[in-house]
Structure formats: C-alpha cells, structure tokens
C-alpha cells in the first residue's frame, strides 16, 4: 500500500536517495528543500510514480517547520512516514575559530539540526496521533555523535542530541503505535563532503571506501517499514565498521 512520506533536506545526496527509494516502492513523497530549489526540482523529476510534491521552508524556524508539515499533509493527504534528514555541517574548529563565528555557527546548527528535527517531529507526530496513524519517524544521526567531530563540534553534538531525542520519542509515542529510530552514518559519498573524502578517510573502513547514499537509504527504508516496529528506539550504525562502540 502506498504511504505518504515527508523527507526533509531531500534536494540532493542522502535525502535524494531516500526520497527515490520510497518512490521506487510506490510511496508518495514530499521533497523538502530550504534553498536548493533547482536541485530539489531535479530530485522531484527523477522520482518514479506520481503524487509527489516539493515543500519549501527553513526547518530552523518554528513557524516554517509547522508550515512544512502542513504543506506535506495538504499535498499528500497525510504524513505516515517522516525522515528527518535536513542538517547543517559547518567547520568551526575551536583553536582557529573566532568567538563571534563560533557563536553564529552553533546557533545555526542547533536551530536546524536539533530544534528543526524536534519541531518537525512534533508537528508530524501530533498529526499522526490525531488521525490514528501508526506512523514511522526516522532521524538521520551520525557516527560523529559517538566518535566526535573535532572540526565540526556543533554537528557532532546536535547529532548526538537528535539520536537521544529519537529514543525519548520512541518511548513517548509507542502507545500511539508510532515507532521512532535513527540511522548513524559514517562518511557518505555526497556532493557536500566530496572534498573531505581522502584515501585516509576511505581507509577508516576495512572495506576501503565510504558509503554510497543508497546504502543509507536502504537502512532508512527498513526502519520505516511495518516490520521494524521492534527496532523503535534503536540507533542503527551504518558506517562500514569504521567505528565500533
């Protein structure tokens, strides 16, 4: 049966792969973007099937987060699966970052990665509860939540918080039939981090490479499936054995 799926940050990279995988199994997808309209349009045009739409807005704004969910519900008729993928990852190593820049990046990263995820999840979950939808929420975390991100500390910290948020919501929402889980990728071959994928980075995995976006999308698809109810609360490491804990 076709489901209604909202994927935030779906203009390219991991988000595009996730949107495509859901569409390939017959789901209808709301492709969210913040600023990359051309890329989001390319994602939308590449989705198989019909009934998909673009949704625009800054998840870092509480009012915009609410509007994003409302637009997805209006366009799809409901939201049965939410994938929180939208995120910022700006470099700001402490020893070389000015204090004002440090403050700016932390505030931006927290507003998008953590508060954006919390607010979109709130709006979608309330929608699911009101309609009696046994839905799924899947958050995209990071290996950096456990391994550390010395050059991107706000990213690592917010991804750790997102994973903890997912576990809290898993307990809170289970009585309503809603399952919540997270995927924690390592390096993925996307446009955003292509300049950081060196031979040294590839060697972090015993497979000698980084992940492809479709490999992360496959993990999301499983966690969003009806069969994955009993993985609610889980954080699934998808990092090619590059970090074990």
C-alpha atoms as a PDB file:
ATOM      1  CA  UNK A   1       0.000   0.000   0.000  1.00  0.00           C
ATOM      2  CA  UNK A   2       1.285   3.449  -0.942  1.00  0.00           C
ATOM      3  CA  UNK A   3       2.302   5.627   2.004  1.00  0.00           C
ATOM      4  CA  UNK A   4       2.741   9.377   2.333  1.00  0.00           C
ATOM      5  CA  UNK A   5       6.361  10.240   3.145  1.00  0.00           C
ATOM      6  CA  UNK A   6       7.987  13.561   4.094  1.00  0.00           C
ATOM      7  CA  UNK A   7      11.770  13.711   3.639  1.00  0.00           C
ATOM      8  CA  UNK A   8      13.440  16.894   4.888  1.00  0.00           C
ATOM      9  CA  UNK A   9      16.617  18.038   3.179  1.00  0.00           C
ATOM     10  CA  UNK A  10      15.855  15.968   0.082  1.00  0.00           C
ATOM     11  CA  UNK A  11      17.303  18.188  -2.629  1.00  0.00           C
ATOM     12  CA  UNK A  12      20.395  16.006  -3.156  1.00  0.00           C
ATOM     13  CA  UNK A  13      22.735  13.485  -1.545  1.00  0.00           C
ATOM     14  CA  UNK A  14      21.320  11.199   1.131  1.00  0.00           C
ATOM     15  CA  UNK A  15      17.929  12.928   1.101  1.00  0.00           C
ATOM     16  CA  UNK A  16      17.545  12.423  -2.641  1.00  0.00           C
ATOM     17  CA  UNK A  17      18.472   8.754  -2.321  1.00  0.00           C
ATOM     18  CA  UNK A  18      15.923   8.281   0.464  1.00  0.00           C
ATOM     19  CA  UNK A  19      13.154  10.028  -1.474  1.00  0.00           C
ATOM     20  CA  UNK A  20      13.944   7.944  -4.546  1.00  0.00           C
ATOM     21  CA  UNK A  21      13.910   4.653  -2.639  1.00  0.00           C
ATOM     22  CA  UNK A  22      10.496   5.363  -1.123  1.00  0.00           C
ATOM     23  CA  UNK A  23       9.122   6.387  -4.519  1.00  0.00           C
ATOM     24  CA  UNK A  24      10.510   3.216  -6.079  1.00  0.00           C
ATOM     25  CA  UNK A  25       8.415   1.132  -3.702  1.00  0.00           C
ATOM     26  CA  UNK A  26       5.279   3.046  -4.661  1.00  0.00           C
ATOM     27  CA  UNK A  27       5.127   5.678  -1.931  1.00  0.00           C
ATOM     28  CA  UNK A  28       4.204   9.320  -2.488  1.00  0.00           C
ATOM     29  CA  UNK A  29       6.957  11.691  -1.366  1.00  0.00           C
ATOM     30  CA  UNK A  30       7.069  15.311  -0.221  1.00  0.00           C
ATOM     31  CA  UNK A  31      10.549  16.515  -1.194  1.00  0.00           C
ATOM     32  CA  UNK A  32      11.574  19.245   1.231  1.00  0.00           C
ATOM     33  CA  UNK A  33      14.246  21.838   0.495  1.00  0.00           C
ATOM     34  CA  UNK A  34      15.426  25.042   2.122  1.00  0.00           C
ATOM     35  CA  UNK A  35      17.469  26.860  -0.524  1.00  0.00           C
ATOM     36  CA  UNK A  36      18.390  24.457  -3.352  1.00  0.00           C
ATOM     37  CA  UNK A  37      15.220  24.715  -5.412  1.00  0.00           C
ATOM     38  CA  UNK A  38      16.870  23.631  -8.667  1.00  0.00           C
ATOM     39  CA  UNK A  39      18.353  20.526  -7.039  1.00  0.00           C
ATOM     40  CA  UNK A  40      15.045  19.738  -5.329  1.00  0.00           C
ATOM     41  CA  UNK A  41      13.265  20.064  -8.654  1.00  0.00           C
ATOM     42  CA  UNK A  42      15.729  17.612 -10.158  1.00  0.00           C
ATOM     43  CA  UNK A  43      15.004  15.193  -7.323  1.00  0.00           C
ATOM     44  CA  UNK A  44      11.267  15.536  -7.879  1.00  0.00           C
ATOM     45  CA  UNK A  45      11.533  14.982 -11.640  1.00  0.00           C
ATOM     46  CA  UNK A  46      13.592  11.857 -11.077  1.00  0.00           C
ATOM     47  CA  UNK A  47      11.084  10.169  -8.767  1.00  0.00           C
ATOM     48  CA  UNK A  48       9.172   7.268 -10.293  1.00  0.00           C
ATOM     49  CA  UNK A  49       5.437   7.159  -9.843  1.00  0.00           C
ATOM     50  CA  UNK A  50       3.076  10.059  -9.215  1.00  0.00           C
ATOM     51  CA  UNK A  51       1.631  12.181  -6.439  1.00  0.00           C
ATOM     52  CA  UNK A  52       4.969  13.650  -5.314  1.00  0.00           C
ATOM     53  CA  UNK A  53       5.476  17.327  -4.482  1.00  0.00           C
ATOM     54  CA  UNK A  54       8.012  19.941  -3.413  1.00  0.00           C
ATOM     55  CA  UNK A  55       7.820  21.526   0.032  1.00  0.00           C
ATOM     56  CA  UNK A  56       9.893  24.600   0.855  1.00  0.00           C
ATOM     57  CA  UNK A  57      10.931  26.113   4.161  1.00  0.00           C
ATOM     58  CA  UNK A  58      13.634  26.588   6.777  1.00  0.00           C
ATOM     59  CA  UNK A  59      13.244  23.863   9.397  1.00  0.00           C
ATOM     60  CA  UNK A  60      15.238  26.088  11.766  1.00  0.00           C
ATOM     61  CA  UNK A  61      12.227  28.406  12.031  1.00  0.00           C
ATOM     62  CA  UNK A  62       9.447  27.070  14.289  1.00  0.00           C
ATOM     63  CA  UNK A  63       6.713  28.642  12.164  1.00  0.00           C
ATOM     64  CA  UNK A  64       8.289  27.368   8.947  1.00  0.00           C
ATOM     65  CA  UNK A  65       8.633  23.857  10.407  1.00  0.00           C
ATOM     66  CA  UNK A  66       4.906  23.882  11.132  1.00  0.00           C
ATOM     67  CA  UNK A  67       4.171  25.167   7.629  1.00  0.00           C
ATOM     68  CA  UNK A  68       6.353  22.479   6.027  1.00  0.00           C
ATOM     69  CA  UNK A  69       4.363  19.737   7.721  1.00  0.00           C
ATOM     70  CA  UNK A  70       1.054  21.418   6.876  1.00  0.00           C
ATOM     71  CA  UNK A  71       2.056  21.662   3.204  1.00  0.00           C
ATOM     72  CA  UNK A  72       3.056  17.989   3.121  1.00  0.00           C
ATOM     73  CA  UNK A  73      -0.212  16.929   4.748  1.00  0.00           C
ATOM     74  CA  UNK A  74      -2.186  19.105   2.331  1.00  0.00           C
ATOM     75  CA  UNK A  75      -0.335  17.796  -0.718  1.00  0.00           C
ATOM     76  CA  UNK A  76      -0.176  14.132   0.229  1.00  0.00           C
ATOM     77  CA  UNK A  77      -3.365  13.867   2.268  1.00  0.00           C
ATOM     78  CA  UNK A  78      -1.397  12.726   5.326  1.00  0.00           C
ATOM     79  CA  UNK A  79       2.146  12.064   6.529  1.00  0.00           C
ATOM     80  CA  UNK A  80       2.697   8.437   7.520  1.00  0.00           C
ATOM     81  CA  UNK A  81       6.499   8.440   7.429  1.00  0.00           C
ATOM     82  CA  UNK A  82       8.825  11.284   8.389  1.00  0.00           C
ATOM     83  CA  UNK A  83      12.539  11.215   7.645  1.00  0.00           C
ATOM     84  CA  UNK A  84      14.462  13.996   9.395  1.00  0.00           C
ATOM     85  CA  UNK A  85      17.476  14.463   7.133  1.00  0.00           C
ATOM     86  CA  UNK A  86      17.892  18.265   6.906  1.00  0.00           C
ATOM     87  CA  UNK A  87      21.118  19.367   8.600  1.00  0.00           C
ATOM     88  CA  UNK A  88      23.961  21.886   8.650  1.00  0.00           C
ATOM     89  CA  UNK A  89      27.600  20.821   8.920  1.00  0.00           C
ATOM     90  CA  UNK A  90      29.812  23.911   9.025  1.00  0.00           C
ATOM     91  CA  UNK A  91      33.505  23.736  10.009  1.00  0.00           C
ATOM     92  CA  UNK A  92      34.475  25.596  13.202  1.00  0.00           C
ATOM     93  CA  UNK A  93      37.490  24.030  14.939  1.00  0.00           C
ATOM     94  CA  UNK A  94      37.814  25.719  18.303  1.00  0.00           C
ATOM     95  CA  UNK A  95      41.551  26.636  18.138  1.00  0.00           C
ATOM     96  CA  UNK A  96      41.144  28.637  14.913  1.00  0.00           C
ATOM     97  CA  UNK A  97      37.578  29.979  15.038  1.00  0.00           C
ATOM     98  CA  UNK A  98      36.793  33.491  16.235  1.00  0.00           C
ATOM     99  CA  UNK A  99      34.320  33.706  19.100  1.00  0.00           C
ATOM    100  CA  UNK A 100      31.621  35.541  17.128  1.00  0.00           C
ATOM    101  CA  UNK A 101      31.875  32.964  14.344  1.00  0.00           C
ATOM    102  CA  UNK A 102      31.751  30.167  16.914  1.00  0.00           C
ATOM    103  CA  UNK A 103      28.518  31.593  18.335  1.00  0.00           C
ATOM    104  CA  UNK A 104      26.944  32.056  14.910  1.00  0.00           C
ATOM    105  CA  UNK A 105      27.655  28.511  13.753  1.00  0.00           C
ATOM    106  CA  UNK A 106      26.493  26.930  16.990  1.00  0.00           C
ATOM    107  CA  UNK A 107      23.210  28.867  16.908  1.00  0.00           C
ATOM    108  CA  UNK A 108      22.566  27.993  13.255  1.00  0.00           C
ATOM    109  CA  UNK A 109      23.442  24.343  13.721  1.00  0.00           C
ATOM    110  CA  UNK A 110      21.312  23.889  16.833  1.00  0.00           C
ATOM    111  CA  UNK A 111      18.342  25.638  15.215  1.00  0.00           C
ATOM    112  CA  UNK A 112      18.383  23.395  12.128  1.00  0.00           C
ATOM    113  CA  UNK A 113      19.800  20.059  13.271  1.00  0.00           C
ATOM    114  CA  UNK A 114      18.225  19.790  16.708  1.00  0.00           C
ATOM    115  CA  UNK A 115      15.329  22.224  17.054  1.00  0.00           C
ATOM    116  CA  UNK A 116      14.279  21.715  13.433  1.00  0.00           C
ATOM    117  CA  UNK A 117      14.168  17.962  13.936  1.00  0.00           C
ATOM    118  CA  UNK A 118      12.286  18.375  17.221  1.00  0.00           C
ATOM    119  CA  UNK A 119       9.721  20.779  15.771  1.00  0.00           C
ATOM    120  CA  UNK A 120       9.027  18.862  12.560  1.00  0.00           C
ATOM    121  CA  UNK A 121       8.760  15.652  14.603  1.00  0.00           C
ATOM    122  CA  UNK A 122       6.313  17.341  16.983  1.00  0.00           C
ATOM    123  CA  UNK A 123       4.052  18.539  14.183  1.00  0.00           C
ATOM    124  CA  UNK A 124       4.104  15.219  12.341  1.00  0.00           C
ATOM    125  CA  UNK A 125       3.593  13.166  15.495  1.00  0.00           C
ATOM    126  CA  UNK A 126       0.612  15.275  16.587  1.00  0.00           C
ATOM    127  CA  UNK A 127      -0.848  14.822  13.090  1.00  0.00           C
ATOM    128  CA  UNK A 128      -0.348  11.048  13.344  1.00  0.00           C
ATOM    129  CA  UNK A 129      -1.919  10.894  16.812  1.00  0.00           C
ATOM    130  CA  UNK A 130      -4.936  12.955  15.767  1.00  0.00           C
ATOM    131  CA  UNK A 131      -5.562  10.723  12.752  1.00  0.00           C
ATOM    132  CA  UNK A 132      -4.741   7.430  14.447  1.00  0.00           C
ATOM    133  CA  UNK A 133      -1.804   6.757  12.105  1.00  0.00           C
ATOM    134  CA  UNK A 134       0.662   4.082  13.232  1.00  0.00           C
ATOM    135  CA  UNK A 135       3.473   6.019  11.615  1.00  0.00           C
ATOM    136  CA  UNK A 136       7.234   5.996  11.465  1.00  0.00           C
ATOM    137  CA  UNK A 137       9.817   8.687  12.238  1.00  0.00           C
ATOM    138  CA  UNK A 138      13.409   8.067  11.189  1.00  0.00           C
ATOM    139  CA  UNK A 139      16.160  10.516  12.128  1.00  0.00           C
ATOM    140  CA  UNK A 140      19.489  10.791  10.355  1.00  0.00           C
ATOM    141  CA  UNK A 141      22.138  10.929  13.059  1.00  0.00           C
ATOM    142  CA  UNK A 142      25.872  10.468  12.592  1.00  0.00           C
ATOM    143  CA  UNK A 143      28.875   8.388  13.529  1.00  0.00           C
ATOM    144  CA  UNK A 144      30.225  11.697  14.813  1.00  0.00           C
ATOM    145  CA  UNK A 145      27.674  11.630  17.634  1.00  0.00           C
ATOM    146  CA  UNK A 146      29.800   8.935  19.279  1.00  0.00           C
ATOM    147  CA  UNK A 147      33.178   9.227  17.589  1.00  0.00           C
ATOM    148  CA  UNK A 148      33.480  13.002  17.900  1.00  0.00           C
ATOM    149  CA  UNK A 149      33.803  15.799  15.325  1.00  0.00           C
ATOM    150  CA  UNK A 150      36.827  17.943  16.242  1.00  0.00           C
ATOM    151  CA  UNK A 151      36.409  20.298  13.277  1.00  0.00           C
ATOM    152  CA  UNK A 152      32.590  20.266  13.404  1.00  0.00           C
ATOM    153  CA  UNK A 153      31.740  20.057  17.134  1.00  0.00           C
ATOM    154  CA  UNK A 154      28.266  21.583  16.815  1.00  0.00           C
ATOM    155  CA  UNK A 155      27.379  18.978  14.209  1.00  0.00           C
ATOM    156  CA  UNK A 156      28.571  16.108  16.405  1.00  0.00           C
ATOM    157  CA  UNK A 157      26.802  17.482  19.466  1.00  0.00           C
ATOM    158  CA  UNK A 158      23.495  18.099  17.703  1.00  0.00           C
ATOM    159  CA  UNK A 159      23.533  14.681  16.055  1.00  0.00           C
ATOM    160  CA  UNK A 160      24.067  13.081  19.463  1.00  0.00           C
ATOM    161  CA  UNK A 161      21.098  15.087  20.708  1.00  0.00           C
ATOM    162  CA  UNK A 162      18.991  14.049  17.708  1.00  0.00           C
ATOM    163  CA  UNK A 163      19.689  10.393  18.454  1.00  0.00           C
ATOM    164  CA  UNK A 164      18.784  10.888  22.116  1.00  0.00           C
ATOM    165  CA  UNK A 165      15.635  12.742  21.051  1.00  0.00           C
ATOM    166  CA  UNK A 166      14.670   9.785  18.893  1.00  0.00           C
ATOM    167  CA  UNK A 167      14.977   7.434  21.843  1.00  0.00           C
ATOM    168  CA  UNK A 168      12.857   9.691  24.048  1.00  0.00           C
ATOM    169  CA  UNK A 169      10.178   9.963  21.363  1.00  0.00           C
ATOM    170  CA  UNK A 170      10.247   6.201  20.803  1.00  0.00           C
ATOM    171  CA  UNK A 171       9.091   5.708  24.395  1.00  0.00           C
ATOM    172  CA  UNK A 172       6.643   8.613  24.317  1.00  0.00           C
ATOM    173  CA  UNK A 173       4.964   7.694  21.042  1.00  0.00           C
ATOM    174  CA  UNK A 174       4.851   3.893  21.283  1.00  0.00           C
ATOM    175  CA  UNK A 175       1.424   3.930  22.985  1.00  0.00           C
ATOM    176  CA  UNK A 176       0.135   5.619  19.825  1.00  0.00           C
ATOM    177  CA  UNK A 177       1.620   2.960  17.551  1.00  0.00           C
ATOM    178  CA  UNK A 178       4.357   5.299  16.267  1.00  0.00           C
ATOM    179  CA  UNK A 179       7.878   3.893  16.008  1.00  0.00           C
ATOM    180  CA  UNK A 180      10.947   6.171  16.072  1.00  0.00           C
ATOM    181  CA  UNK A 181      14.532   5.194  15.245  1.00  0.00           C
ATOM    182  CA  UNK A 182      17.773   6.724  13.957  1.00  0.00           C
ATOM    183  CA  UNK A 183      20.423   5.893  11.391  1.00  0.00           C
ATOM    184  CA  UNK A 184      24.010   6.891  12.227  1.00  0.00           C
ATOM    185  CA  UNK A 185      26.063   7.005   9.012  1.00  0.00           C
ATOM    186  CA  UNK A 186      29.791   7.451   8.687  1.00  0.00           C
ATOM    187  CA  UNK A 187      31.223   9.236   5.649  1.00  0.00           C
ATOM    188  CA  UNK A 188      28.926   9.093   2.621  1.00  0.00           C
ATOM    189  CA  UNK A 189      29.851   9.914  -0.971  1.00  0.00           C
ATOM    190  CA  UNK A 190      27.730  13.041  -1.405  1.00  0.00           C
ATOM    191  CA  UNK A 191      28.381  16.400  -3.041  1.00  0.00           C
ATOM    192  CA  UNK A 192      28.587  18.122   0.339  1.00  0.00           C
ATOM    193  CA  UNK A 193      31.566  16.150   1.656  1.00  0.00           C
ATOM    194  CA  UNK A 194      33.286  15.116  -1.591  1.00  0.00           C
ATOM    195  CA  UNK A 195      36.244  17.406  -0.811  1.00  0.00           C
ATOM    196  CA  UNK A 196      36.772  15.633   2.527  1.00  0.00           C
ATOM    197  CA  UNK A 197      36.825  12.078   1.181  1.00  0.00           C
ATOM    198  CA  UNK A 198      40.530  11.282   1.025  1.00  0.00           C
ATOM    199  CA  UNK A 199      42.415   7.987   0.904  1.00  0.00           C
ATOM    200  CA  UNK A 200      42.873   8.343   4.662  1.00  0.00           C
ATOM    201  CA  UNK A 201      39.128   8.699   5.175  1.00  0.00           C
ATOM    202  CA  UNK A 202      38.409   5.700   2.948  1.00  0.00           C
ATOM    203  CA  UNK A 203      40.907   3.646   4.951  1.00  0.00           C
ATOM    204  CA  UNK A 204      38.857   4.214   8.131  1.00  0.00           C
ATOM    205  CA  UNK A 205      36.602   1.402   6.936  1.00  0.00           C
ATOM    206  CA  UNK A 206      38.039  -2.090   6.422  1.00  0.00           C
ATOM    207  CA  UNK A 207      36.100  -2.085   3.155  1.00  0.00           C
ATOM    208  CA  UNK A 208      38.430   0.686   1.957  1.00  0.00           C
ATOM    209  CA  UNK A 209      35.706   3.089   0.863  1.00  0.00           C
ATOM    210  CA  UNK A 210      32.940   5.368   2.102  1.00  0.00           C
ATOM    211  CA  UNK A 211      29.210   4.661   1.835  1.00  0.00           C
ATOM    212  CA  UNK A 212      27.001   5.366  -1.133  1.00  0.00           C
ATOM    213  CA  UNK A 213      23.800   7.324  -0.412  1.00  0.00           C
ATOM    214  CA  UNK A 214      21.671   4.345  -1.442  1.00  0.00           C
ATOM    215  CA  UNK A 215      23.170   2.308   1.417  1.00  0.00           C
ATOM    216  CA  UNK A 216      21.919   4.839   3.952  1.00  0.00           C
ATOM    217  CA  UNK A 217      18.554   4.975   2.190  1.00  0.00           C
ATOM    218  CA  UNK A 218      18.204   1.189   2.492  1.00  0.00           C
ATOM    219  CA  UNK A 219      18.646   1.415   6.271  1.00  0.00           C
ATOM    220  CA  UNK A 220      16.021   4.162   6.449  1.00  0.00           C
ATOM    221  CA  UNK A 221      13.620   2.108   4.341  1.00  0.00           C
ATOM    222  CA  UNK A 222      13.928  -0.809   6.764  1.00  0.00           C
ATOM    223  CA  UNK A 223      13.422   1.334   9.887  1.00  0.00           C
ATOM    224  CA  UNK A 224      10.338   2.891   8.272  1.00  0.00           C
ATOM    225  CA  UNK A 225       8.858  -0.472   7.333  1.00  0.00           C
ATOM    226  CA  UNK A 226       5.919  -2.142   9.116  1.00  0.00           C
ATOM    227  CA  UNK A 227       8.267  -4.987  10.064  1.00  0.00           C
ATOM    228  CA  UNK A 228      10.591  -2.672  12.009  1.00  0.00           C
ATOM    229  CA  UNK A 229       8.297  -1.830  14.926  1.00  0.00           C
ATOM    230  CA  UNK A 230      10.518  -3.701  17.378  1.00  0.00           C
ATOM    231  CA  UNK A 231      13.555  -1.616  16.422  1.00  0.00           C
ATOM    232  CA  UNK A 232      11.862   1.517  17.743  1.00  0.00           C
ATOM    233  CA  UNK A 233      14.371   3.394  19.891  1.00  0.00           C
ATOM    234  CA  UNK A 234      17.350   1.908  18.061  1.00  0.00           C
ATOM    235  CA  UNK A 235      20.311   3.801  16.651  1.00  0.00           C
ATOM    236  CA  UNK A 236      21.496   1.819  13.642  1.00  0.00           C
ATOM    237  CA  UNK A 237      25.187   2.304  12.831  1.00  0.00           C
ATOM    238  CA  UNK A 238      25.750   2.305   9.073  1.00  0.00           C
ATOM    239  CA  UNK A 239      29.441   3.110   8.812  1.00  0.00           C
ATOM    240  CA  UNK A 240      31.150   0.127   7.204  1.00  0.00           C
ATOM    241  CA  UNK A 241      32.765  -0.923  10.518  1.00  0.00           C
ATOM    242  CA  UNK A 242      34.714   2.344  10.542  1.00  0.00           C
ATOM    243  CA  UNK A 243      33.678   2.989  14.132  1.00  0.00           C
ATOM    244  CA  UNK A 244      32.549   0.351  16.620  1.00  0.00           C
ATOM    245  CA  UNK A 245      31.309   1.078  20.140  1.00  0.00           C
END
